């Protein structure tokens, strides 16, 4: 199953939980600050996402949406 995630960069507070819990290790920290002064999470390998939704489940800010194909 293929998946895709959308990260709302302005909601992200750089806690790193999604990065640590991603089984494929395809989420990283952005090099660009958001409006709140955090480096938000970004998806670095779109083609490897399985849509498992662990990142969205663990996100305390509800900043991640998961779509499955």
Protein backbone atom coordinates (compact mmCIF):
# COMPACT_ATOMS: atom_id res chain seq x y z
CA UNK A 1 0.00 0.00 0.00
CA UNK A 2 1.25 3.44 -0.86
CA UNK A 3 0.67 6.46 1.26
CA UNK A 4 1.21 10.17 1.37
CA UNK A 5 1.36 12.56 4.29
CA UNK A 6 0.70 16.26 4.49
CA UNK A 7 2.40 18.19 7.29
CA UNK A 8 0.91 21.53 8.32
CA UNK A 9 4.20 23.32 8.88
CA UNK A 10 2.68 26.15 10.91
CA UNK A 11 1.21 23.70 13.45
CA UNK A 12 4.45 21.75 13.89
CA UNK A 13 6.45 22.55 17.05
CA UNK A 14 9.54 20.50 16.19
CA UNK A 15 8.99 17.86 18.89
CA UNK A 16 10.53 15.17 16.65
CA UNK A 17 8.09 12.42 17.59
CA UNK A 18 7.04 11.79 13.98
CA UNK A 19 10.69 11.58 12.94
CA UNK A 20 11.48 9.05 15.67
CA UNK A 21 8.38 6.89 15.08
CA UNK A 22 8.52 6.74 11.28
CA UNK A 23 9.39 3.12 10.47
CA UNK A 24 10.77 4.10 7.05
CA UNK A 25 12.78 7.07 8.43
CA UNK A 26 11.48 9.36 5.69
CA UNK A 27 10.53 12.37 7.82
CA UNK A 28 13.18 14.96 8.62
CA UNK A 29 13.50 18.43 10.11
CA UNK A 30 13.15 21.32 7.69
CA UNK A 31 15.93 23.84 7.25
CA UNK A 32 13.32 26.61 7.08
CA UNK A 33 11.69 28.17 10.15
CA UNK A 34 7.92 28.41 10.42
CA UNK A 35 6.18 31.56 11.71
CA UNK A 36 6.46 30.37 15.33
CA UNK A 37 10.23 29.94 15.08
CA UNK A 38 10.34 26.14 14.83
CA UNK A 39 11.95 23.96 12.18
CA UNK A 40 8.93 21.85 11.14
CA UNK A 41 8.96 18.25 10.01
CA UNK A 42 9.04 17.55 6.28
CA UNK A 43 8.62 14.42 4.20
CA UNK A 44 11.93 13.67 2.47
CA UNK A 45 11.06 10.55 0.43
CA UNK A 46 7.49 10.71 -0.83
CA UNK A 47 7.69 7.49 -2.80
CA UNK A 48 8.59 5.38 0.27
CA UNK A 49 5.62 6.30 2.50
CA UNK A 50 3.39 3.30 3.27
CA UNK A 51 0.56 5.27 4.89
CA UNK A 52 0.94 3.48 8.23
CA UNK A 53 -0.18 6.69 10.02
CA UNK A 54 2.14 6.31 13.02
CA UNK A 55 3.37 9.85 12.47
CA UNK A 56 -0.17 11.27 12.54
CA UNK A 57 -1.16 9.22 15.58
CA UNK A 58 1.88 10.30 17.61
CA UNK A 59 1.75 14.01 16.62
CA UNK A 60 0.59 16.02 19.68
CA UNK A 61 -0.28 19.04 17.50
CA UNK A 62 -2.40 17.07 14.98
CA UNK A 63 -0.23 18.57 12.25
CA UNK A 64 -0.10 15.49 9.99
CA UNK A 65 -2.75 14.10 7.67
CA UNK A 66 -2.31 10.68 6.03
CA UNK A 67 -3.69 9.67 2.65
CA UNK A 68 -3.59 6.10 1.32
CA UNK A 69 -3.69 5.02 -2.31
